Amino acid sequence: MRRISLPFSIPQFLNFSISLLLCHAALAAADKPNTLTRQDKKEGYILLFNGKDLTGWEGEPALWSVKDGVLVGSTEGHPLQHNTFLITKDSYSDFVLKLEIKLRNHNSGIQFRSKRAPEYVVSGYQADAAEGNWWGSLYEERGRGVLVNGWKGKGEKVVKASDWNQYEITARGNHIQLKLNGLVTAELDDDKARDGIIALQLHQGPPMQVEFRNMKLKKF
């Protein structure tokens, strides 16, 4: 019987196969939404949205739901009398917040260092996300309005209409920075608020829908 010579030993082949399987498993875990990577945990990130339910948040139940690991806000069949928000139960001061947002239409945004009022109304800083010339802008809800126009020459270059966009919000001391899909679109030194809730907006007007996932926060 003729003996076949292999370019590797059986133990080497088994080790290679196991390494390949572990690599595929690691990549699959990294792609799974609403989870923290090993590096995220090392850096001190926590999840604000668990991908399963609205634990840690408060809002109008008819407007907010979780579907297939995505936090969905919709005003279909529920016309609003005023802007309404899904609000964290906890407050945050100095942090970096990373999340993905997909806007089907109309107007939304991410509040931070903000104040809560009755009927799920919120005032304060907002990373804007809206049709027209708003993406990437720093806005003050129920306050001074546009603080930094992050659209022209910035947000307009990187926004993905009707697709997932990544927002990164950094608040440290009196300095605020917004990044949209990796591009810095707004920076401001402002002393009006150093602490407050985080909230997600549904805007008064035509029926709209907005989605969120991968919400990760690290405190400084």
N, C-alpha and C. Protein backbone atom coordinates (compact mmCIF):
# COMPACT_ATOMS: atom_id res chain seq x y z
N MET A 1 0.86 -1.20 0.00
CA MET A 1 0.00 0.00 0.00
C MET A 1 0.89 1.25 0.00
N ARG A 2 0.53 2.17 -0.87
CA ARG A 2 1.32 3.40 -0.99
C ARG A 2 0.95 4.37 0.13
N ARG A 3 1.96 4.90 0.82
CA ARG A 3 1.73 5.85 1.92
C ARG A 3 1.69 7.28 1.36
N ILE A 4 0.64 8.02 1.75
CA ILE A 4 0.48 9.41 1.29
C ILE A 4 1.13 10.35 2.29
N SER A 5 1.97 11.23 1.78
CA SER A 5 2.67 12.18 2.65
C SER A 5 1.89 13.50 2.69
N LEU A 6 1.51 13.93 3.89
CA LEU A 6 0.77 15.19 4.07
C LEU A 6 1.72 16.31 4.44
N PRO A 7 1.40 17.55 4.01
CA PRO A 7 2.28 18.68 4.33
C PRO A 7 2.15 19.14 5.78
N PHE A 8 1.26 18.50 6.57
CA PHE A 8 1.08 18.85 7.97
C PHE A 8 0.71 17.60 8.74
N SER A 9 0.91 17.64 10.05
CA SER A 9 0.55 16.51 10.89
C SER A 9 -0.91 16.60 11.30
N ILE A 10 -1.46 15.49 11.76
CA ILE A 10 -2.85 15.48 12.21
C ILE A 10 -3.05 16.45 13.38
N PRO A 11 -2.17 16.46 14.40
CA PRO A 11 -2.33 17.45 15.48
C PRO A 11 -2.31 18.88 14.99
N GLN A 12 -1.43 19.17 13.99
CA GLN A 12 -1.38 20.52 13.44
C GLN A 12 -2.69 20.88 12.76
N PHE A 13 -3.26 19.92 12.04
CA PHE A 13 -4.52 20.14 11.33
C PHE A 13 -5.65 20.41 12.33
N LEU A 14 -5.68 19.62 13.43
CA LEU A 14 -6.71 19.80 14.45
C LEU A 14 -6.59 21.17 15.13
N ASN A 15 -5.35 21.55 15.44
CA ASN A 15 -5.14 22.86 16.06
C ASN A 15 -5.58 23.99 15.14
N PHE A 16 -5.27 23.86 13.86
CA PHE A 16 -5.67 24.88 12.88
C PHE A 16 -7.19 24.97 12.79
N SER A 17 -7.86 23.80 12.76
CA SER A 17 -9.32 23.77 12.65
C SER A 17 -9.98 24.41 13.86
N ILE A 18 -9.45 24.11 15.06
CA ILE A 18 -10.00 24.68 16.29
C ILE A 18 -9.81 26.20 16.30
N SER A 19 -8.63 26.66 15.88
CA SER A 19 -8.35 28.10 15.83
C SER A 19 -9.29 28.80 14.87
N LEU A 20 -9.56 28.15 13.74
CA LEU A 20 -10.46 28.73 12.74
C LEU A 20 -11.87 28.85 13.28
N LEU A 21 -12.33 27.82 13.98
CA LEU A 21 -13.67 27.85 14.57
C LEU A 21 -13.79 28.94 15.63
N LEU A 22 -12.75 29.07 16.46
CA LEU A 22 -12.76 30.11 17.50
C LEU A 22 -12.77 31.50 16.88
N CYS A 23 -12.05 31.66 15.77
CA CYS A 23 -12.02 32.95 15.08
C CYS A 23 -13.39 33.30 14.54
N HIS A 24 -14.06 32.32 13.91
CA HIS A 24 -15.41 32.55 13.39
C HIS A 24 -16.37 32.90 14.52
N ALA A 25 -16.23 32.21 15.66
CA ALA A 25 -17.12 32.47 16.81
C ALA A 25 -16.90 33.88 17.34
N ALA A 26 -15.65 34.32 17.40
CA ALA A 26 -15.34 35.67 17.88
C ALA A 26 -15.91 36.73 16.96
N LEU A 27 -15.79 36.50 15.66
CA LEU A 27 -16.33 37.46 14.69
C LEU A 27 -17.84 37.52 14.78
N ALA A 28 -18.47 36.37 14.95
CA ALA A 28 -19.94 36.34 15.07
C ALA A 28 -20.39 37.09 16.31
N ALA A 29 -19.66 36.91 17.42
CA ALA A 29 -20.01 37.62 18.66
C ALA A 29 -19.84 39.12 18.49
N ALA A 30 -18.77 39.54 17.77
CA ALA A 30 -18.52 40.97 17.57
C ALA A 30 -19.61 41.61 16.74
N ASP A 31 -20.22 40.84 15.81
CA ASP A 31 -21.26 41.37 14.94
C ASP A 31 -22.63 41.35 15.58
N LYS A 32 -22.78 40.66 16.70
CA LYS A 32 -24.08 40.55 17.35
C LYS A 32 -24.45 41.88 17.97
N PRO A 33 -25.61 42.44 17.63
CA PRO A 33 -25.97 43.76 18.16
C PRO A 33 -26.26 43.72 19.65
N ASN A 34 -26.12 44.88 20.28
CA ASN A 34 -26.46 45.09 21.68
C ASN A 34 -25.65 44.19 22.62
N THR A 35 -24.40 43.99 22.29
CA THR A 35 -23.49 43.26 23.16
C THR A 35 -22.21 44.07 23.32
N LEU A 36 -21.51 43.81 24.41
CA LEU A 36 -20.24 44.47 24.65
C LEU A 36 -19.09 43.55 24.26
N THR A 37 -18.14 44.08 23.50
CA THR A 37 -16.96 43.31 23.16
C THR A 37 -16.04 43.26 24.38
N ARG A 38 -15.03 42.41 24.29
CA ARG A 38 -14.06 42.34 25.37
C ARG A 38 -13.39 43.69 25.58
N GLN A 39 -13.12 44.41 24.47
CA GLN A 39 -12.49 45.73 24.56
C GLN A 39 -13.43 46.75 25.19
N ASP A 40 -14.73 46.66 24.84
CA ASP A 40 -15.73 47.55 25.45
C ASP A 40 -15.72 47.39 26.97
N LYS A 41 -15.72 46.15 27.42
CA LYS A 41 -15.75 45.88 28.86
C LYS A 41 -14.47 46.38 29.52
N LYS A 42 -13.35 46.20 28.85
CA LYS A 42 -12.07 46.65 29.39
C LYS A 42 -12.06 48.16 29.55
N GLU A 43 -12.70 48.87 28.61
CA GLU A 43 -12.72 50.33 28.65
C GLU A 43 -13.79 50.88 29.58
N GLY A 44 -14.67 50.01 30.09
CA GLY A 44 -15.67 50.44 31.06
C GLY A 44 -17.03 50.79 30.49
N TYR A 45 -17.34 50.34 29.28
CA TYR A 45 -18.65 50.62 28.68
C TYR A 45 -19.73 49.76 29.33
N ILE A 46 -20.95 50.33 29.38
CA ILE A 46 -22.14 49.59 29.79
C ILE A 46 -23.17 49.72 28.68
N LEU A 47 -24.13 48.79 28.65
CA LEU A 47 -25.22 48.87 27.68
C LEU A 47 -26.37 49.68 28.26
N LEU A 48 -26.87 50.64 27.50
CA LEU A 48 -28.07 51.37 27.91
C LEU A 48 -29.34 50.68 27.41
N PHE A 49 -29.19 49.82 26.39
CA PHE A 49 -30.33 49.09 25.83
C PHE A 49 -29.91 47.63 25.72
N ASN A 50 -30.69 46.74 26.35
CA ASN A 50 -30.29 45.33 26.41
C ASN A 50 -30.71 44.51 25.19
N GLY A 51 -31.43 45.13 24.24
CA GLY A 51 -31.82 44.42 23.03
C GLY A 51 -33.04 43.54 23.19
N LYS A 52 -33.62 43.51 24.41
CA LYS A 52 -34.74 42.61 24.66
C LYS A 52 -36.01 43.34 25.08
N ASP A 53 -35.84 44.36 25.93
CA ASP A 53 -37.00 45.09 26.44
C ASP A 53 -36.58 46.50 26.84
N LEU A 54 -37.48 47.24 27.47
CA LEU A 54 -37.22 48.64 27.79
C LEU A 54 -36.76 48.85 29.23
N THR A 55 -36.11 47.84 29.79
CA THR A 55 -35.55 47.96 31.13
C THR A 55 -34.62 49.17 31.21
N GLY A 56 -34.82 50.02 32.23
CA GLY A 56 -33.99 51.20 32.41
C GLY A 56 -34.52 52.44 31.73
N TRP A 57 -35.65 52.29 31.01
CA TRP A 57 -36.22 53.42 30.25
C TRP A 57 -37.68 53.62 30.64
N GLU A 58 -38.16 54.86 30.43
CA GLU A 58 -39.56 55.19 30.66
C GLU A 58 -40.08 56.04 29.50
N GLY A 59 -41.28 55.71 29.02
CA GLY A 59 -41.89 56.47 27.93
C GLY A 59 -43.32 56.03 27.72
N GLU A 60 -44.00 56.64 26.77
CA GLU A 60 -45.37 56.28 26.45
C GLU A 60 -45.39 54.87 25.86
N PRO A 61 -46.00 53.90 26.54
CA PRO A 61 -45.93 52.50 26.10
C PRO A 61 -46.43 52.25 24.68
N ALA A 62 -47.42 53.02 24.24
CA ALA A 62 -47.98 52.79 22.91
C ALA A 62 -47.02 53.19 21.79
N LEU A 63 -45.97 53.95 22.12
CA LEU A 63 -45.09 54.50 21.10
C LEU A 63 -43.75 53.77 20.96
N TRP A 64 -43.40 52.96 21.96
CA TRP A 64 -42.07 52.36 21.99
C TRP A 64 -42.15 50.84 22.13
N SER A 65 -41.30 50.14 21.39
CA SER A 65 -41.29 48.68 21.44
C SER A 65 -39.90 48.18 21.07
N VAL A 66 -39.69 46.89 21.25
CA VAL A 66 -38.44 46.24 20.85
C VAL A 66 -38.78 45.13 19.87
N LYS A 67 -38.14 45.18 18.69
CA LYS A 67 -38.38 44.18 17.64
C LYS A 67 -37.05 43.70 17.08
N ASP A 68 -36.80 42.40 17.19
CA ASP A 68 -35.59 41.79 16.64
C ASP A 68 -34.32 42.51 17.10
N GLY A 69 -34.26 42.84 18.38
CA GLY A 69 -33.08 43.47 18.93
C GLY A 69 -32.94 44.94 18.64
N VAL A 70 -33.99 45.56 18.13
CA VAL A 70 -33.97 46.98 17.78
C VAL A 70 -35.04 47.73 18.59
N LEU A 71 -34.65 48.87 19.14
CA LEU A 71 -35.59 49.72 19.87
C LEU A 71 -36.30 50.61 18.85
N VAL A 72 -37.62 50.48 18.79
CA VAL A 72 -38.41 51.16 17.76
C VAL A 72 -39.35 52.18 18.39
N GLY A 73 -39.31 53.40 17.87
CA GLY A 73 -40.26 54.42 18.24
C GLY A 73 -41.12 54.77 17.04
N SER A 74 -42.43 54.75 17.21
CA SER A 74 -43.33 55.02 16.08
C SER A 74 -44.56 55.77 16.56
N THR A 75 -44.98 56.75 15.77
CA THR A 75 -46.21 57.50 16.08
C THR A 75 -47.36 57.11 15.15
N GLU A 76 -47.20 56.03 14.40
CA GLU A 76 -48.27 55.58 13.51
C GLU A 76 -49.54 55.31 14.32
N GLY A 77 -50.63 56.00 13.96
CA GLY A 77 -51.89 55.82 14.66
C GLY A 77 -51.95 56.51 16.01
N HIS A 78 -50.89 57.27 16.35
CA HIS A 78 -50.85 57.97 17.64
C HIS A 78 -50.36 59.40 17.43
N PRO A 79 -51.18 60.27 16.88
CA PRO A 79 -50.75 61.66 16.66
C PRO A 79 -50.37 62.34 17.97
N LEU A 80 -49.29 63.12 17.93
CA LEU A 80 -48.75 63.74 19.13
C LEU A 80 -49.24 65.17 19.28
N GLN A 81 -49.45 65.57 20.54
CA GLN A 81 -49.77 66.96 20.85
C GLN A 81 -48.50 67.76 21.12
N HIS A 82 -47.40 67.06 21.40
CA HIS A 82 -46.11 67.69 21.65
C HIS A 82 -45.03 66.62 21.44
N ASN A 83 -43.78 67.04 21.33
CA ASN A 83 -42.69 66.08 21.23
C ASN A 83 -42.68 65.20 22.48
N THR A 84 -42.37 63.93 22.28
CA THR A 84 -42.34 62.99 23.40
C THR A 84 -41.06 62.18 23.36
N PHE A 85 -40.68 61.60 24.51
CA PHE A 85 -39.36 60.98 24.61
C PHE A 85 -39.41 59.67 25.39
N LEU A 86 -38.49 58.80 25.06
CA LEU A 86 -38.18 57.63 25.88
C LEU A 86 -36.97 58.02 26.72
N ILE A 87 -37.08 57.91 28.04
CA ILE A 87 -36.15 58.57 28.97
C ILE A 87 -35.47 57.55 29.88
N THR A 88 -34.16 57.72 30.08
CA THR A 88 -33.46 56.86 31.02
C THR A 88 -33.90 57.17 32.44
N LYS A 89 -33.93 56.13 33.27
CA LYS A 89 -34.28 56.33 34.67
C LYS A 89 -33.12 56.97 35.43
N ASP A 90 -31.91 56.76 34.94
CA ASP A 90 -30.72 57.31 35.59
C ASP A 90 -30.24 58.58 34.89
N SER A 91 -29.47 59.38 35.61
CA SER A 91 -28.84 60.58 35.05
C SER A 91 -27.36 60.33 34.85
N TYR A 92 -26.76 61.10 33.95
CA TYR A 92 -25.36 60.93 33.61
C TYR A 92 -24.70 62.30 33.46
N SER A 93 -23.45 62.37 33.85
CA SER A 93 -22.72 63.63 33.83
C SER A 93 -21.66 63.65 32.74
N ASP A 94 -20.47 63.13 33.02
CA ASP A 94 -19.38 63.07 32.04
C ASP A 94 -19.32 61.68 31.44
N PHE A 95 -19.37 61.59 30.11
CA PHE A 95 -19.48 60.28 29.47
C PHE A 95 -19.19 60.39 27.98
N VAL A 96 -19.03 59.23 27.36
CA VAL A 96 -19.10 59.10 25.91
C VAL A 96 -20.19 58.07 25.62
N LEU A 97 -21.10 58.43 24.74
CA LEU A 97 -22.22 57.57 24.36
C LEU A 97 -22.12 57.25 22.88
N LYS A 98 -22.15 55.96 22.56
CA LYS A 98 -22.14 55.52 21.17
C LYS A 98 -23.44 54.77 20.89
N LEU A 99 -24.04 55.04 19.75
CA LEU A 99 -25.26 54.34 19.38
C LEU A 99 -25.45 54.39 17.87
N GLU A 100 -26.35 53.54 17.39
CA GLU A 100 -26.75 53.56 15.98
C GLU A 100 -28.21 53.95 15.89
N ILE A 101 -28.52 54.78 14.91
CA ILE A 101 -29.87 55.29 14.72
C ILE A 101 -30.25 55.21 13.26
N LYS A 102 -31.48 54.76 13.01
CA LYS A 102 -32.03 54.73 11.64
C LYS A 102 -33.35 55.50 11.65
N LEU A 103 -33.41 56.56 10.88
CA LEU A 103 -34.61 57.40 10.82
C LEU A 103 -35.36 57.12 9.53
N ARG A 104 -36.58 56.62 9.66
CA ARG A 104 -37.39 56.38 8.46
C ARG A 104 -37.83 57.70 7.83
N ASN A 105 -38.28 58.62 8.69
CA ASN A 105 -38.74 59.92 8.19
C ASN A 105 -38.90 60.90 9.34
N HIS A 106 -39.03 62.17 9.00
CA HIS A 106 -39.36 63.26 9.90
C HIS A 106 -38.21 63.64 10.83
N ASN A 107 -38.38 63.57 12.15
CA ASN A 107 -37.47 64.26 13.06
C ASN A 107 -37.29 63.48 14.36
N SER A 108 -36.02 63.28 14.74
CA SER A 108 -35.71 62.63 16.01
C SER A 108 -34.42 63.23 16.55
N GLY A 109 -33.87 62.61 17.57
CA GLY A 109 -32.62 63.08 18.15
C GLY A 109 -32.35 62.41 19.47
N ILE A 110 -31.16 62.63 19.99
CA ILE A 110 -30.74 62.02 21.26
C ILE A 110 -30.48 63.14 22.27
N GLN A 111 -31.29 63.19 23.30
CA GLN A 111 -31.10 64.16 24.37
C GLN A 111 -30.03 63.66 25.34
N PHE A 112 -29.30 64.59 25.95
CA PHE A 112 -28.34 64.24 26.99
C PHE A 112 -28.16 65.43 27.91
N ARG A 113 -27.74 65.15 29.14
CA ARG A 113 -27.66 66.19 30.18
C ARG A 113 -28.94 67.03 30.18
N SER A 114 -30.07 66.34 30.08
CA SER A 114 -31.35 67.01 29.91
C SER A 114 -32.25 66.85 31.14
N LYS A 115 -33.33 67.67 31.17
CA LYS A 115 -34.27 67.65 32.27
C LYS A 115 -35.60 67.07 31.80
N ARG A 116 -36.21 66.31 32.71
CA ARG A 116 -37.50 65.70 32.42
C ARG A 116 -38.63 66.54 32.99
N ALA A 117 -39.74 66.64 32.24
CA ALA A 117 -40.96 67.30 32.70
C ALA A 117 -42.10 66.28 32.61
N PRO A 118 -43.30 66.61 33.12
CA PRO A 118 -44.41 65.67 33.02
C PRO A 118 -44.76 65.31 31.58
N GLU A 119 -45.45 64.20 31.41
CA GLU A 119 -45.93 63.71 30.11
C GLU A 119 -44.78 63.41 29.15
N TYR A 120 -43.67 62.93 29.70
CA TYR A 120 -42.51 62.52 28.91
C TYR A 120 -41.98 63.64 28.02
N VAL A 121 -42.04 64.85 28.53
CA VAL A 121 -41.45 66.02 27.87
C VAL A 121 -40.03 66.20 28.41
N VAL A 122 -39.13 66.64 27.54
CA VAL A 122 -37.72 66.80 27.92
C VAL A 122 -37.19 68.12 27.38
N SER A 123 -36.26 68.74 28.12
CA SER A 123 -35.56 69.94 27.64
C SER A 123 -34.07 69.75 27.84
N GLY A 124 -33.27 70.33 26.93
CA GLY A 124 -31.82 70.24 27.08
C GLY A 124 -31.11 69.95 25.78
N TYR A 125 -29.83 69.57 25.92
CA TYR A 125 -28.98 69.32 24.75
C TYR A 125 -29.51 68.14 23.93
N GLN A 126 -29.37 68.26 22.59
CA GLN A 126 -29.82 67.19 21.69
C GLN A 126 -28.85 67.04 20.52
N ALA A 127 -28.45 65.81 20.26
CA ALA A 127 -27.76 65.47 19.01
C ALA A 127 -28.86 65.24 17.99
N ASP A 128 -28.99 66.14 17.04
CA ASP A 128 -30.14 66.15 16.15
C ASP A 128 -30.04 65.11 15.05
N ALA A 129 -31.21 64.60 14.66
CA ALA A 129 -31.31 63.65 13.56
C ALA A 129 -32.65 63.88 12.89
N ALA A 130 -32.65 64.56 11.76
CA ALA A 130 -33.91 64.91 11.13
C ALA A 130 -33.73 65.12 9.64
N GLU A 131 -34.82 64.91 8.91
CA GLU A 131 -34.79 65.19 7.48
C GLU A 131 -34.47 66.66 7.25
N GLY A 132 -33.78 66.94 6.17
CA GLY A 132 -33.38 68.32 5.91
C GLY A 132 -32.00 68.59 6.47
N ASN A 133 -31.73 69.84 6.79
CA ASN A 133 -30.37 70.25 7.19
C ASN A 133 -30.15 70.20 8.70
N TRP A 134 -30.27 68.98 9.28
CA TRP A 134 -30.19 68.89 10.73
C TRP A 134 -29.20 67.86 11.25
N TRP A 135 -29.00 66.78 10.56
CA TRP A 135 -28.10 65.72 11.04
C TRP A 135 -26.74 66.31 11.44
N GLY A 136 -26.22 65.87 12.57
CA GLY A 136 -24.91 66.32 13.03
C GLY A 136 -24.93 67.59 13.84
N SER A 137 -26.09 68.21 13.97
CA SER A 137 -26.18 69.49 14.69
C SER A 137 -26.41 69.29 16.18
N LEU A 138 -25.94 70.27 16.96
CA LEU A 138 -26.19 70.31 18.40
C LEU A 138 -27.32 71.31 18.64
N TYR A 139 -28.39 70.83 19.25
CA TYR A 139 -29.62 71.60 19.41
C TYR A 139 -29.99 71.62 20.89
N GLU A 140 -30.71 72.67 21.30
CA GLU A 140 -31.23 72.69 22.66
C GLU A 140 -32.75 72.66 22.61
N GLU A 141 -33.32 71.52 22.98
CA GLU A 141 -34.77 71.32 23.01
C GLU A 141 -35.40 72.20 24.08
N ARG A 142 -36.46 72.94 23.70
CA ARG A 142 -37.16 73.85 24.60
C ARG A 142 -36.21 74.86 25.23
N GLY A 143 -35.24 75.31 24.42
CA GLY A 143 -34.27 76.27 24.93
C GLY A 143 -33.81 77.20 23.83
N ARG A 144 -32.51 77.23 23.59
CA ARG A 144 -31.92 78.19 22.66
C ARG A 144 -31.95 77.76 21.20
N GLY A 145 -32.45 76.57 20.92
CA GLY A 145 -32.50 76.12 19.53
C GLY A 145 -31.16 75.60 19.07
N VAL A 146 -30.78 75.90 17.82
CA VAL A 146 -29.53 75.40 17.26
C VAL A 146 -28.35 76.06 17.95
N LEU A 147 -27.49 75.26 18.55
CA LEU A 147 -26.28 75.76 19.19
C LEU A 147 -25.07 75.67 18.26
N VAL A 148 -24.99 74.57 17.50
CA VAL A 148 -23.93 74.40 16.50
C VAL A 148 -24.55 73.73 15.28
N ASN A 149 -24.44 74.38 14.12
CA ASN A 149 -24.93 73.78 12.88
C ASN A 149 -23.89 72.77 12.39
N GLY A 150 -24.21 71.50 12.52
CA GLY A 150 -23.28 70.46 12.12
C GLY A 150 -23.58 69.84 10.78
N TRP A 151 -24.49 70.45 10.03
CA TRP A 151 -24.92 69.87 8.76
C TRP A 151 -24.05 70.30 7.60
N LYS A 152 -23.95 71.58 7.34
CA LYS A 152 -23.30 72.09 6.14
C LYS A 152 -21.81 71.76 6.14
N GLY A 153 -21.39 71.03 5.13
CA GLY A 153 -20.00 70.65 4.99
C GLY A 153 -19.55 69.56 5.94
N LYS A 154 -20.48 69.07 6.77
CA LYS A 154 -20.15 68.04 7.76
C LYS A 154 -21.15 66.90 7.67
N GLY A 155 -22.26 67.02 8.41
CA GLY A 155 -23.24 65.95 8.41
C GLY A 155 -23.72 65.57 7.03
N GLU A 156 -23.85 66.55 6.14
CA GLU A 156 -24.33 66.26 4.79
C GLU A 156 -23.40 65.35 4.01
N LYS A 157 -22.12 65.30 4.42
CA LYS A 157 -21.14 64.47 3.72
C LYS A 157 -21.21 63.00 4.11
N VAL A 158 -21.70 62.72 5.32
CA VAL A 158 -21.58 61.35 5.83
C VAL A 158 -22.91 60.68 6.17
N VAL A 159 -24.00 61.42 6.27
CA VAL A 159 -25.26 60.82 6.68
C VAL A 159 -25.74 59.81 5.64
N LYS A 160 -26.37 58.73 6.13
CA LYS A 160 -26.92 57.68 5.28
C LYS A 160 -28.44 57.72 5.44
N ALA A 161 -29.11 58.28 4.47
CA ALA A 161 -30.56 58.42 4.56
C ALA A 161 -31.22 57.05 4.61
N SER A 162 -32.17 56.91 5.54
CA SER A 162 -32.95 55.67 5.69
C SER A 162 -32.09 54.45 5.98
N ASP A 163 -30.89 54.66 6.53
CA ASP A 163 -30.00 53.56 6.88
C ASP A 163 -29.44 53.82 8.28
N TRP A 164 -28.65 52.88 8.77
CA TRP A 164 -28.06 53.03 10.09
C TRP A 164 -26.94 54.07 10.08
N ASN A 165 -26.98 54.96 11.05
CA ASN A 165 -25.94 55.97 11.25
C ASN A 165 -25.44 55.87 12.68
N GLN A 166 -24.13 56.06 12.85
CA GLN A 166 -23.56 56.01 14.19
C GLN A 166 -23.35 57.42 14.74
N TYR A 167 -23.91 57.64 15.92
CA TYR A 167 -23.68 58.88 16.64
C TYR A 167 -22.74 58.58 17.82
N GLU A 168 -21.81 59.48 18.05
CA GLU A 168 -20.97 59.41 19.24
C GLU A 168 -21.03 60.76 19.93
N ILE A 169 -21.49 60.76 21.17
CA ILE A 169 -21.67 61.98 21.95
C ILE A 169 -20.70 61.95 23.13
N THR A 170 -19.85 62.96 23.22
CA THR A 170 -18.93 63.06 24.33
C THR A 170 -19.24 64.33 25.12
N ALA A 171 -19.47 64.17 26.41
CA ALA A 171 -19.72 65.31 27.31
C ALA A 171 -18.75 65.19 28.47
N ARG A 172 -17.86 66.17 28.59
CA ARG A 172 -16.85 66.13 29.64
C ARG A 172 -16.60 67.54 30.14
N GLY A 173 -16.89 67.78 31.42
CA GLY A 173 -16.81 69.15 31.91
C GLY A 173 -17.80 70.01 31.15
N ASN A 174 -17.33 71.15 30.65
CA ASN A 174 -18.24 72.02 29.88
C ASN A 174 -18.10 71.81 28.38
N HIS A 175 -17.35 70.76 27.97
CA HIS A 175 -17.10 70.53 26.55
C HIS A 175 -18.00 69.42 26.01
N ILE A 176 -18.61 69.70 24.87
CA ILE A 176 -19.48 68.75 24.18
C ILE A 176 -18.96 68.54 22.77
N GLN A 177 -18.92 67.27 22.33
CA GLN A 177 -18.51 66.95 20.96
C GLN A 177 -19.47 65.91 20.38
N LEU A 178 -19.88 66.14 19.14
CA LEU A 178 -20.70 65.18 18.41
C LEU A 178 -19.92 64.63 17.23
N LYS A 179 -20.01 63.32 17.03
CA LYS A 179 -19.46 62.68 15.84
C LYS A 179 -20.59 61.93 15.15
N LEU A 180 -20.68 62.10 13.82
CA LEU A 180 -21.65 61.38 13.02
C LEU A 180 -20.89 60.51 12.03
N ASN A 181 -21.07 59.20 12.14
CA ASN A 181 -20.36 58.26 11.28
C ASN A 181 -18.85 58.55 11.25
N GLY A 182 -18.31 58.85 12.42
CA GLY A 182 -16.87 59.05 12.58
C GLY A 182 -16.36 60.45 12.33
N LEU A 183 -17.22 61.35 11.83
CA LEU A 183 -16.81 62.73 11.52
C LEU A 183 -17.28 63.67 12.62
N VAL A 184 -16.38 64.48 13.15
CA VAL A 184 -16.78 65.50 14.14
C VAL A 184 -17.64 66.55 13.44
N THR A 185 -18.87 66.71 13.91
CA THR A 185 -19.79 67.66 13.27
C THR A 185 -20.11 68.86 14.16
N ALA A 186 -19.89 68.72 15.47
CA ALA A 186 -20.21 69.84 16.37
C ALA A 186 -19.34 69.76 17.62
N GLU A 187 -18.85 70.92 18.05
CA GLU A 187 -18.12 71.05 19.31
C GLU A 187 -18.53 72.35 19.98
N LEU A 188 -18.65 72.31 21.28
CA LEU A 188 -19.09 73.50 22.01
C LEU A 188 -18.63 73.44 23.46
N ASP A 189 -18.17 74.56 23.98
CA ASP A 189 -17.94 74.74 25.41
C ASP A 189 -19.13 75.51 25.96
N ASP A 190 -19.86 74.90 26.89
CA ASP A 190 -21.10 75.51 27.38
C ASP A 190 -21.33 75.07 28.82
N ASP A 191 -21.74 76.00 29.66
CA ASP A 191 -21.87 75.71 31.09
C ASP A 191 -23.32 75.58 31.56
N LYS A 192 -24.27 75.46 30.64
CA LYS A 192 -25.66 75.46 31.07
C LYS A 192 -26.04 74.21 31.86
N ALA A 193 -25.51 73.05 31.47
CA ALA A 193 -25.88 71.81 32.17
C ALA A 193 -24.69 70.86 32.21
N ARG A 194 -24.47 70.24 33.35
CA ARG A 194 -23.36 69.29 33.51
C ARG A 194 -23.87 67.89 33.85
N ASP A 195 -25.19 67.73 33.96
CA ASP A 195 -25.74 66.45 34.39
C ASP A 195 -27.18 66.35 33.92
N GLY A 196 -27.67 65.13 33.70
CA GLY A 196 -29.07 64.97 33.34
C GLY A 196 -29.35 63.63 32.68
N ILE A 197 -30.60 63.45 32.31
CA ILE A 197 -31.04 62.19 31.70
C ILE A 197 -30.64 62.14 30.23
N ILE A 198 -30.69 60.94 29.68
CA ILE A 198 -30.56 60.71 28.25
C ILE A 198 -31.94 60.32 27.75
N ALA A 199 -32.33 60.77 26.56
CA ALA A 199 -33.67 60.48 26.06
C ALA A 199 -33.67 60.43 24.53
N LEU A 200 -34.64 59.71 23.99
CA LEU A 200 -34.79 59.53 22.55
C LEU A 200 -36.08 60.17 22.10
N GLN A 201 -36.03 60.91 21.00
CA GLN A 201 -37.15 61.77 20.62
C GLN A 201 -38.05 61.19 19.53
N LEU A 202 -39.36 61.39 19.74
CA LEU A 202 -40.36 61.29 18.68
C LEU A 202 -40.97 62.68 18.54
N HIS A 203 -40.98 63.20 17.32
CA HIS A 203 -41.36 64.60 17.10
C HIS A 203 -42.82 64.72 16.67
N GLN A 204 -43.45 65.75 17.18
CA GLN A 204 -44.82 66.08 16.76
C GLN A 204 -44.85 66.33 15.26
N GLY A 205 -45.94 65.93 14.61
CA GLY A 205 -46.06 66.15 13.16
C GLY A 205 -46.55 64.90 12.46
N PRO A 206 -46.09 64.65 11.25
CA PRO A 206 -46.57 63.49 10.50
C PRO A 206 -46.16 62.18 11.16
N PRO A 207 -46.89 61.08 10.90
CA PRO A 207 -46.51 59.78 11.45
C PRO A 207 -45.06 59.46 11.09
N MET A 208 -44.29 59.01 12.07
CA MET A 208 -42.86 58.80 11.85
C MET A 208 -42.40 57.53 12.55
N GLN A 209 -41.18 57.12 12.21
CA GLN A 209 -40.57 55.97 12.88
C GLN A 209 -39.06 56.17 12.96
N VAL A 210 -38.50 55.78 14.09
CA VAL A 210 -37.06 55.85 14.29
C VAL A 210 -36.63 54.59 15.05
N GLU A 211 -35.42 54.11 14.77
CA GLU A 211 -34.91 52.89 15.40
C GLU A 211 -33.54 53.15 16.01
N PHE A 212 -33.24 52.42 17.10
CA PHE A 212 -31.96 52.55 17.80
C PHE A 212 -31.43 51.17 18.15
N ARG A 213 -30.10 51.04 18.19
CA ARG A 213 -29.46 49.82 18.65
C ARG A 213 -28.03 50.14 19.08
N ASN A 214 -27.38 49.16 19.69
CA ASN A 214 -25.97 49.27 20.08
C ASN A 214 -25.69 50.54 20.88
N MET A 215 -26.46 50.75 21.93
CA MET A 215 -26.30 51.94 22.76
C MET A 215 -25.33 51.63 23.90
N LYS A 216 -24.14 52.19 23.82
CA LYS A 216 -23.07 51.91 24.78
C LYS A 216 -22.57 53.21 25.41
N LEU A 217 -22.40 53.20 26.72
CA LEU A 217 -21.97 54.40 27.42
C LEU A 217 -20.81 54.10 28.35
N LYS A 218 -19.84 55.01 28.37
CA LYS A 218 -18.72 54.92 29.29
C LYS A 218 -18.64 56.21 30.08
N LYS A 219 -18.63 56.09 31.40
CA LYS A 219 -18.50 57.26 32.26
C LYS A 219 -17.03 57.64 32.41
N PHE A 220 -16.78 58.95 32.54
CA PHE A 220 -15.44 59.43 32.83
C PHE A 220 -15.27 59.59 34.33
